[in-house]
Amino acid sequence: LGTRFLESMEAYIQEHQLENAVTFAGAINYEDLPQYYHRSDILLFPSPYEGLPSVVLESMACGTPPVVMRGSGGTEEAVVDGICGW
C-alpha cells in the first residue's frame, strides 16, 4: 500500500473506531492465504486497473466475497453483485 493511502485508511479506521474490525496484514506467505480468507468477512480490492487478479478469485474460492470497483475490467465482470461479492 502507498504511504499516503495507508495513513489515510488508518486515520479513517481510528476516527470511526474500527481498530478491532480491520487488519492490515501486509505480505502473507502464499500457503497461509486460505486461513486469512476464511477468517475474513470481505476482501476489499479498490484497484481500478488490475484486470482479473488471482487474489479476487482466491477470495471467492474460499467463500470470502470481494468488494471491487466498477469499471475495473475483468474484476468487475467476475464478481456478480450481491451473489459472490459487491
PDB file of N, CA and C in Angstrom:
ATOM      1  N   LEU A   1       0.837  -1.188   0.000  1.00  0.00           N
ATOM      2  CA  LEU A   1       0.000   0.000   0.000  1.00  0.00           C
ATOM      3  C   LEU A   1       0.875   1.242   0.000  1.00  0.00           C
ATOM      4  N   GLY A   2       0.447   2.275  -0.723  1.00  0.00           N
ATOM      5  CA  GLY A   2       1.168   3.529  -0.707  1.00  0.00           C
ATOM      6  C   GLY A   2       1.083   4.177   0.665  1.00  0.00           C
ATOM      7  N   THR A   3       2.118   4.903   1.055  1.00  0.00           N
ATOM      8  CA  THR A   3       2.192   5.501   2.386  1.00  0.00           C
ATOM      9  C   THR A   3       1.021   6.434   2.660  1.00  0.00           C
ATOM     10  N   ARG A   4       0.706   7.312   1.706  1.00  0.00           N
ATOM     11  CA  ARG A   4      -0.417   8.244   1.897  1.00  0.00           C
ATOM     12  C   ARG A   4      -1.737   7.509   2.047  1.00  0.00           C
ATOM     13  N   PHE A   5      -1.947   6.513   1.188  1.00  0.00           N
ATOM     14  CA  PHE A   5      -3.190   5.756   1.250  1.00  0.00           C
ATOM     15  C   PHE A   5      -3.308   5.041   2.588  1.00  0.00           C
ATOM     16  N   LEU A   6      -2.229   4.404   3.018  1.00  0.00           N
ATOM     17  CA  LEU A   6      -2.239   3.679   4.287  1.00  0.00           C
ATOM     18  C   LEU A   6      -2.499   4.630   5.453  1.00  0.00           C
ATOM     19  N   GLU A   7      -1.864   5.774   5.456  1.00  0.00           N
ATOM     20  CA  GLU A   7      -2.095   6.766   6.515  1.00  0.00           C
ATOM     21  C   GLU A   7      -3.541   7.240   6.510  1.00  0.00           C
ATOM     22  N   SER A   8      -4.092   7.456   5.327  1.00  0.00           N
ATOM     23  CA  SER A   8      -5.485   7.883   5.209  1.00  0.00           C
ATOM     24  C   SER A   8      -6.429   6.813   5.746  1.00  0.00           C
ATOM     25  N   MET A   9      -6.171   5.556   5.390  1.00  0.00           N
ATOM     26  CA  MET A   9      -7.015   4.457   5.865  1.00  0.00           C
ATOM     27  C   MET A   9      -6.896   4.285   7.380  1.00  0.00           C
ATOM     28  N   GLU A  10      -5.692   4.377   7.919  1.00  0.00           N
ATOM     29  CA  GLU A  10      -5.501   4.252   9.369  1.00  0.00           C
ATOM     30  C   GLU A  10      -6.232   5.366  10.108  1.00  0.00           C
ATOM     31  N   ALA A  11      -6.179   6.589   9.580  1.00  0.00           N
ATOM     32  CA  ALA A  11      -6.885   7.708  10.205  1.00  0.00           C
ATOM     33  C   ALA A  11      -8.394   7.474  10.174  1.00  0.00           C
ATOM     34  N   TYR A  12      -8.898   6.985   9.053  1.00  0.00           N
ATOM     35  CA  TYR A  12     -10.334   6.693   8.926  1.00  0.00           C
ATOM     36  C   TYR A  12     -10.748   5.621   9.941  1.00  0.00           C
ATOM     37  N   ILE A  13      -9.955   4.596  10.056  1.00  0.00           N
ATOM     38  CA  ILE A  13     -10.249   3.495  10.986  1.00  0.00           C
ATOM     39  C   ILE A  13     -10.282   3.996  12.422  1.00  0.00           C
ATOM     40  N   GLN A  14      -9.321   4.824  12.793  1.00  0.00           N
ATOM     41  CA  GLN A  14      -9.307   5.381  14.151  1.00  0.00           C
ATOM     42  C   GLN A  14     -10.497   6.311  14.376  1.00  0.00           C
ATOM     43  N   GLU A  15     -10.771   7.159  13.411  1.00  0.00           N
ATOM     44  CA  GLU A  15     -11.873   8.119  13.523  1.00  0.00           C
ATOM     45  C   GLU A  15     -13.221   7.414  13.730  1.00  0.00           C
ATOM     46  N   HIS A  16     -13.376   6.255  13.112  1.00  0.00           N
ATOM     47  CA  HIS A  16     -14.636   5.513  13.185  1.00  0.00           C
ATOM     48  C   HIS A  16     -14.575   4.322  14.146  1.00  0.00           C
ATOM     49  N   GLN A  17     -13.507   4.290  14.939  1.00  0.00           N
ATOM     50  CA  GLN A  17     -13.323   3.266  15.979  1.00  0.00           C
ATOM     51  C   GLN A  17     -13.467   1.849  15.417  1.00  0.00           C
ATOM     52  N   LEU A  18     -12.734   1.586  14.344  1.00  0.00           N
ATOM     53  CA  LEU A  18     -12.788   0.283  13.679  1.00  0.00           C
ATOM     54  C   LEU A  18     -11.517  -0.547  13.899  1.00  0.00           C
ATOM     55  N   GLU A  19     -10.717  -0.182  14.881  1.00  0.00           N
ATOM     56  CA  GLU A  19      -9.441  -0.859  15.106  1.00  0.00           C
ATOM     57  C   GLU A  19      -9.602  -2.365  15.313  1.00  0.00           C
ATOM     58  N   ASN A  20     -10.694  -2.790  15.932  1.00  0.00           N
ATOM     59  CA  ASN A  20     -10.905  -4.217  16.189  1.00  0.00           C
ATOM     60  C   ASN A  20     -11.556  -4.938  15.013  1.00  0.00           C
ATOM     61  N   ALA A  21     -11.908  -4.206  13.962  1.00  0.00           N
ATOM     62  CA  ALA A  21     -12.608  -4.808  12.832  1.00  0.00           C
ATOM     63  C   ALA A  21     -11.773  -4.872  11.554  1.00  0.00           C
ATOM     64  N   VAL A  22     -10.671  -4.116  11.493  1.00  0.00           N
ATOM     65  CA  VAL A  22      -9.876  -4.028  10.273  1.00  0.00           C
ATOM     66  C   VAL A  22      -8.443  -4.423  10.574  1.00  0.00           C
ATOM     67  N   THR A  23      -7.876  -5.252   9.695  1.00  0.00           N
ATOM     68  CA  THR A  23      -6.487  -5.683   9.838  1.00  0.00           C
ATOM     69  C   THR A  23      -5.740  -5.413   8.543  1.00  0.00           C
ATOM     70  N   PHE A  24      -4.619  -4.739   8.635  1.00  0.00           N
ATOM     71  CA  PHE A  24      -3.698  -4.609   7.518  1.00  0.00           C
ATOM     72  C   PHE A  24      -2.628  -5.670   7.749  1.00  0.00           C
ATOM     73  N   ALA A  25      -2.727  -6.774   7.057  1.00  0.00           N
ATOM     74  CA  ALA A  25      -1.863  -7.924   7.318  1.00  0.00           C
ATOM     75  C   ALA A  25      -0.492  -7.807   6.670  1.00  0.00           C
ATOM     76  N   GLY A  26      -0.347  -6.956   5.669  1.00  0.00           N
ATOM     77  CA  GLY A  26       0.933  -6.882   4.979  1.00  0.00           C
ATOM     78  C   GLY A  26       1.152  -8.111   4.111  1.00  0.00           C
ATOM     79  N   ALA A  27       2.405  -8.404   3.819  1.00  0.00           N
ATOM     80  CA  ALA A  27       2.737  -9.558   2.979  1.00  0.00           C
ATOM     81  C   ALA A  27       2.465 -10.859   3.734  1.00  0.00           C
ATOM     82  N   ILE A  28       1.847 -11.807   3.047  1.00  0.00           N
ATOM     83  CA  ILE A  28       1.493 -13.099   3.641  1.00  0.00           C
ATOM     84  C   ILE A  28       2.025 -14.201   2.736  1.00  0.00           C
ATOM     85  N   ASN A  29       2.591 -15.240   3.327  1.00  0.00           N
ATOM     86  CA  ASN A  29       3.054 -16.388   2.542  1.00  0.00           C
ATOM     87  C   ASN A  29       1.881 -17.014   1.815  1.00  0.00           C
ATOM     88  N   TYR A  30       2.130 -17.444   0.583  1.00  0.00           N
ATOM     89  CA  TYR A  30       1.062 -17.994  -0.261  1.00  0.00           C
ATOM     90  C   TYR A  30       0.308 -19.136   0.422  1.00  0.00           C
ATOM     91  N   GLU A  31       1.028 -20.034   1.066  1.00  0.00           N
ATOM     92  CA  GLU A  31       0.372 -21.187   1.694  1.00  0.00           C
ATOM     93  C   GLU A  31      -0.482 -20.798   2.900  1.00  0.00           C
ATOM     94  N   ASP A  32      -0.297 -19.598   3.443  1.00  0.00           N
ATOM     95  CA  ASP A  32      -1.084 -19.125   4.581  1.00  0.00           C
ATOM     96  C   ASP A  32      -2.331 -18.351   4.162  1.00  0.00           C
ATOM     97  N   LEU A  33      -2.452 -18.027   2.883  1.00  0.00           N
ATOM     98  CA  LEU A  33      -3.571 -17.205   2.417  1.00  0.00           C
ATOM     99  C   LEU A  33      -4.954 -17.774   2.735  1.00  0.00           C
ATOM    100  N   PRO A  34      -5.199 -19.077   2.509  1.00  0.00           N
ATOM    101  CA  PRO A  34      -6.558 -19.577   2.777  1.00  0.00           C
ATOM    102  C   PRO A  34      -7.051 -19.295   4.193  1.00  0.00           C
ATOM    103  N   GLN A  35      -6.189 -19.397   5.193  1.00  0.00           N
ATOM    104  CA  GLN A  35      -6.646 -19.130   6.558  1.00  0.00           C
ATOM    105  C   GLN A  35      -7.030 -17.662   6.743  1.00  0.00           C
ATOM    106  N   TYR A  36      -6.367 -16.755   6.049  1.00  0.00           N
ATOM    107  CA  TYR A  36      -6.737 -15.338   6.122  1.00  0.00           C
ATOM    108  C   TYR A  36      -8.076 -15.102   5.431  1.00  0.00           C
ATOM    109  N   TYR A  37      -8.265 -15.710   4.256  1.00  0.00           N
ATOM    110  CA  TYR A  37      -9.541 -15.565   3.557  1.00  0.00           C
ATOM    111  C   TYR A  37     -10.691 -16.106   4.410  1.00  0.00           C
ATOM    112  N   HIS A  38     -10.498 -17.274   5.004  1.00  0.00           N
ATOM    113  CA  HIS A  38     -11.558 -17.898   5.802  1.00  0.00           C
ATOM    114  C   HIS A  38     -11.910 -17.076   7.045  1.00  0.00           C
ATOM    115  N   ARG A  39     -10.945 -16.367   7.604  1.00  0.00           N
ATOM    116  CA  ARG A  39     -11.201 -15.557   8.808  1.00  0.00           C
ATOM    117  C   ARG A  39     -11.763 -14.181   8.473  1.00  0.00           C
ATOM    118  N   SER A  40     -11.819 -13.843   7.206  1.00  0.00           N
ATOM    119  CA  SER A  40     -12.247 -12.501   6.789  1.00  0.00           C
ATOM    120  C   SER A  40     -13.720 -12.477   6.409  1.00  0.00           C
ATOM    121  N   ASP A  41     -14.345 -11.323   6.616  1.00  0.00           N
ATOM    122  CA  ASP A  41     -15.732 -11.126   6.202  1.00  0.00           C
ATOM    123  C   ASP A  41     -15.801 -10.681   4.744  1.00  0.00           C
ATOM    124  N   ILE A  42     -14.843  -9.860   4.305  1.00  0.00           N
ATOM    125  CA  ILE A  42     -14.780  -9.379   2.926  1.00  0.00           C
ATOM    126  C   ILE A  42     -13.321  -9.215   2.534  1.00  0.00           C
ATOM    127  N   LEU A  43     -13.099  -9.120   1.230  1.00  0.00           N
ATOM    128  CA  LEU A  43     -11.807  -8.718   0.685  1.00  0.00           C
ATOM    129  C   LEU A  43     -12.056  -7.396  -0.019  1.00  0.00           C
ATOM    130  N   LEU A  44     -11.431  -6.340   0.427  1.00  0.00           N
ATOM    131  CA  LEU A  44     -11.568  -5.031  -0.212  1.00  0.00           C
ATOM    132  C   LEU A  44     -10.467  -4.901  -1.253  1.00  0.00           C
ATOM    133  N   PHE A  45     -10.866  -4.774  -2.512  1.00  0.00           N
ATOM    134  CA  PHE A  45      -9.912  -4.671  -3.617  1.00  0.00           C
ATOM    135  C   PHE A  45     -10.226  -3.403  -4.401  1.00  0.00           C
ATOM    136  N   PRO A  46      -9.623  -2.260  -4.006  1.00  0.00           N
ATOM    137  CA  PRO A  46     -10.019  -0.970  -4.577  1.00  0.00           C
ATOM    138  C   PRO A  46      -9.327  -0.574  -5.877  1.00  0.00           C
ATOM    139  N   SER A  47      -8.531  -1.452  -6.487  1.00  0.00           N
ATOM    140  CA  SER A  47      -7.789  -1.054  -7.684  1.00  0.00           C
ATOM    141  C   SER A  47      -8.679  -0.993  -8.924  1.00  0.00           C
ATOM    142  N   PRO A  48      -8.597   0.100  -9.682  1.00  0.00           N
ATOM    143  CA  PRO A  48      -9.376   0.196 -10.913  1.00  0.00           C
ATOM    144  C   PRO A  48      -8.611  -0.320 -12.138  1.00  0.00           C
ATOM    145  N   TYR A  49      -7.378  -0.834 -11.957  1.00  0.00           N
ATOM    146  CA  TYR A  49      -6.502  -1.128 -13.097  1.00  0.00           C
ATOM    147  C   TYR A  49      -6.037  -2.572 -13.208  1.00  0.00           C
ATOM    148  N   GLU A  50      -6.592  -3.504 -12.492  1.00  0.00           N
ATOM    149  CA  GLU A  50      -5.987  -4.820 -12.364  1.00  0.00           C
ATOM    150  C   GLU A  50      -6.465  -5.911 -13.305  1.00  0.00           C
ATOM    151  N   GLY A  51      -7.409  -5.729 -14.122  1.00  0.00           N
ATOM    152  CA  GLY A  51      -7.874  -6.835 -14.961  1.00  0.00           C
ATOM    153  C   GLY A  51      -8.613  -7.866 -14.124  1.00  0.00           C
ATOM    154  N   LEU A  52      -8.027  -9.031 -13.926  1.00  0.00           N
ATOM    155  CA  LEU A  52      -8.628 -10.062 -13.084  1.00  0.00           C
ATOM    156  C   LEU A  52      -7.524 -10.724 -12.249  1.00  0.00           C
ATOM    157  N   PRO A  53      -7.181 -10.138 -11.106  1.00  0.00           N
ATOM    158  CA  PRO A  53      -6.095 -10.670 -10.286  1.00  0.00           C
ATOM    159  C   PRO A  53      -6.504 -11.943  -9.542  1.00  0.00           C
ATOM    160  N   SER A  54      -5.546 -12.804  -9.298  1.00  0.00           N
ATOM    161  CA  SER A  54      -5.823 -14.076  -8.627  1.00  0.00           C
ATOM    162  C   SER A  54      -6.349 -13.877  -7.213  1.00  0.00           C
ATOM    163  N   VAL A  55      -5.988 -12.794  -6.547  1.00  0.00           N
ATOM    164  CA  VAL A  55      -6.440 -12.575  -5.171  1.00  0.00           C
ATOM    165  C   VAL A  55      -7.966 -12.521  -5.089  1.00  0.00           C
ATOM    166  N   VAL A  56      -8.616 -11.968  -6.089  1.00  0.00           N
ATOM    167  CA  VAL A  56     -10.077 -11.891  -6.104  1.00  0.00           C
ATOM    168  C   VAL A  56     -10.673 -13.290  -6.289  1.00  0.00           C
ATOM    169  N   LEU A  57     -10.110 -14.070  -7.206  1.00  0.00           N
ATOM    170  CA  LEU A  57     -10.598 -15.433  -7.438  1.00  0.00           C
ATOM    171  C   LEU A  57     -10.326 -16.329  -6.239  1.00  0.00           C
ATOM    172  N   GLU A  58      -9.158 -16.201  -5.616  1.00  0.00           N
ATOM    173  CA  GLU A  58      -8.821 -16.992  -4.424  1.00  0.00           C
ATOM    174  C   GLU A  58      -9.783 -16.677  -3.284  1.00  0.00           C
ATOM    175  N   SER A  59     -10.084 -15.407  -3.118  1.00  0.00           N
ATOM    176  CA  SER A  59     -11.009 -14.981  -2.075  1.00  0.00           C
ATOM    177  C   SER A  59     -12.386 -15.618  -2.277  1.00  0.00           C
ATOM    178  N   MET A  60     -12.884 -15.546  -3.505  1.00  0.00           N
ATOM    179  CA  MET A  60     -14.196 -16.133  -3.798  1.00  0.00           C
ATOM    180  C   MET A  60     -14.155 -17.646  -3.608  1.00  0.00           C
ATOM    181  N   ALA A  61     -13.052 -18.305  -3.986  1.00  0.00           N
ATOM    182  CA  ALA A  61     -12.925 -19.755  -3.825  1.00  0.00           C
ATOM    183  C   ALA A  61     -12.976 -20.167  -2.356  1.00  0.00           C
ATOM    184  N   CYS A  62     -12.548 -19.276  -1.471  1.00  0.00           N
ATOM    185  CA  CYS A  62     -12.565 -19.553  -0.034  1.00  0.00           C
ATOM    186  C   CYS A  62     -13.865 -19.095   0.623  1.00  0.00           C
ATOM    187  N   GLY A  63     -14.796 -18.564  -0.167  1.00  0.00           N
ATOM    188  CA  GLY A  63     -16.085 -18.129   0.370  1.00  0.00           C
ATOM    189  C   GLY A  63     -16.076 -16.732   0.945  1.00  0.00           C
ATOM    190  N   THR A  64     -15.023 -15.978   0.683  1.00  0.00           N
ATOM    191  CA  THR A  64     -14.934 -14.598   1.174  1.00  0.00           C
ATOM    192  C   THR A  64     -15.278 -13.656   0.027  1.00  0.00           C
ATOM    193  N   PRO A  65     -16.398 -12.934   0.107  1.00  0.00           N
ATOM    194  CA  PRO A  65     -16.803 -12.079  -1.007  1.00  0.00           C
ATOM    195  C   PRO A  65     -15.891 -10.865  -1.167  1.00  0.00           C
ATOM    196  N   PRO A  66     -15.472 -10.577  -2.390  1.00  0.00           N
ATOM    197  CA  PRO A  66     -14.677  -9.382  -2.640  1.00  0.00           C
ATOM    198  C   PRO A  66     -15.553  -8.166  -2.911  1.00  0.00           C
ATOM    199  N   VAL A  67     -15.029  -7.015  -2.563  1.00  0.00           N
ATOM    200  CA  VAL A  67     -15.638  -5.736  -2.916  1.00  0.00           C
ATOM    201  C   VAL A  67     -14.677  -5.099  -3.906  1.00  0.00           C
ATOM    202  N   VAL A  68     -15.142  -4.883  -5.149  1.00  0.00           N
ATOM    203  CA  VAL A  68     -14.292  -4.355  -6.209  1.00  0.00           C
ATOM    204  C   VAL A  68     -14.904  -3.077  -6.777  1.00  0.00           C
ATOM    205  N   MET A  69     -14.101  -2.345  -7.531  1.00  0.00           N
ATOM    206  CA  MET A  69     -14.564  -1.093  -8.128  1.00  0.00           C
ATOM    207  C   MET A  69     -15.259  -1.353  -9.458  1.00  0.00           C
ATOM    208  N   ARG A  70     -16.275  -0.563  -9.738  1.00  0.00           N
ATOM    209  CA  ARG A  70     -16.899  -0.608 -11.062  1.00  0.00           C
ATOM    210  C   ARG A  70     -15.937  -0.005 -12.070  1.00  0.00           C
ATOM    211  N   GLY A  71     -15.989  -0.536 -13.290  1.00  0.00           N
ATOM    212  CA  GLY A  71     -15.112  -0.022 -14.333  1.00  0.00           C
ATOM    213  C   GLY A  71     -13.706  -0.579 -14.247  1.00  0.00           C
ATOM    214  N   SER A  72     -13.530  -1.674 -13.483  1.00  0.00           N
ATOM    215  CA  SER A  72     -12.189  -2.228 -13.288  1.00  0.00           C
ATOM    216  C   SER A  72     -11.883  -3.381 -14.237  1.00  0.00           C
ATOM    217  N   GLY A  73     -12.672  -3.546 -15.275  1.00  0.00           N
ATOM    218  CA  GLY A  73     -12.386  -4.579 -16.266  1.00  0.00           C
ATOM    219  C   GLY A  73     -12.825  -5.956 -15.817  1.00  0.00           C
ATOM    220  N   GLY A  74     -11.943  -6.922 -15.938  1.00  0.00           N
ATOM    221  CA  GLY A  74     -12.253  -8.311 -15.638  1.00  0.00           C
ATOM    222  C   GLY A  74     -12.719  -8.548 -14.224  1.00  0.00           C
ATOM    223  N   THR A  75     -12.192  -7.798 -13.279  1.00  0.00           N
ATOM    224  CA  THR A  75     -12.595  -7.969 -11.883  1.00  0.00           C
ATOM    225  C   THR A  75     -14.088  -7.720 -11.727  1.00  0.00           C
ATOM    226  N   GLU A  76     -14.559  -6.658 -12.304  1.00  0.00           N
ATOM    227  CA  GLU A  76     -15.987  -6.334 -12.220  1.00  0.00           C
ATOM    228  C   GLU A  76     -16.844  -7.400 -12.912  1.00  0.00           C
ATOM    229  N   GLU A  77     -16.338  -7.979 -13.988  1.00  0.00           N
ATOM    230  CA  GLU A  77     -17.095  -8.999 -14.707  1.00  0.00           C
ATOM    231  C   GLU A  77     -17.161 -10.314 -13.945  1.00  0.00           C
ATOM    232  N   ALA A  78     -16.136 -10.638 -13.152  1.00  0.00           N
ATOM    233  CA  ALA A  78     -16.088 -11.905 -12.411  1.00  0.00           C
ATOM    234  C   ALA A  78     -16.941 -11.870 -11.147  1.00  0.00           C
ATOM    235  N   VAL A  79     -17.136 -10.685 -10.595  1.00  0.00           N
ATOM    236  CA  VAL A  79     -17.877 -10.550  -9.341  1.00  0.00           C
ATOM    237  C   VAL A  79     -19.326 -10.181  -9.652  1.00  0.00           C
ATOM    238  N   VAL A  80     -20.240 -11.082  -9.338  1.00  0.00           N
ATOM    239  CA  VAL A  80     -21.666 -10.837  -9.564  1.00  0.00           C
ATOM    240  C   VAL A  80     -22.200 -10.135  -8.323  1.00  0.00           C
ATOM    241  N   ASP A  81     -22.624  -8.885  -8.487  1.00  0.00           N
ATOM    242  CA  ASP A  81     -23.066  -8.042  -7.371  1.00  0.00           C
ATOM    243  C   ASP A  81     -24.131  -8.723  -6.513  1.00  0.00           C
ATOM    244  N   GLY A  82     -23.832  -8.873  -5.226  1.00  0.00           N
ATOM    245  CA  GLY A  82     -24.771  -9.451  -4.277  1.00  0.00           C
ATOM    246  C   GLY A  82     -24.784 -10.970  -4.263  1.00  0.00           C
ATOM    247  N   ILE A  83     -24.117 -11.613  -5.209  1.00  0.00           N
ATOM    248  CA  ILE A  83     -24.080 -13.071  -5.275  1.00  0.00           C
ATOM    249  C   ILE A  83     -22.746 -13.590  -4.728  1.00  0.00           C
ATOM    250  N   CYS A  84     -21.649 -13.164  -5.332  1.00  0.00           N
ATOM    251  CA  CYS A  84     -20.335 -13.626  -4.883  1.00  0.00           C
ATOM    252  C   CYS A  84     -19.428 -12.452  -4.529  1.00  0.00           C
ATOM    253  N   GLY A  85     -20.003 -11.306  -4.286  1.00  0.00           N
ATOM    254  CA  GLY A  85     -19.258 -10.103  -3.918  1.00  0.00           C
ATOM    255  C   GLY A  85     -20.076  -8.874  -4.221  1.00  0.00           C
ATOM    256  N   TRP A  86     -19.396  -7.737  -4.180  1.00  0.00           N
ATOM    257  CA  TRP A  86     -20.068  -6.461  -4.463  1.00  0.00           C
ATOM    258  C   TRP A  86     -19.170  -5.594  -5.308  1.00  0.00           C
TER     259      TRP A  86
END
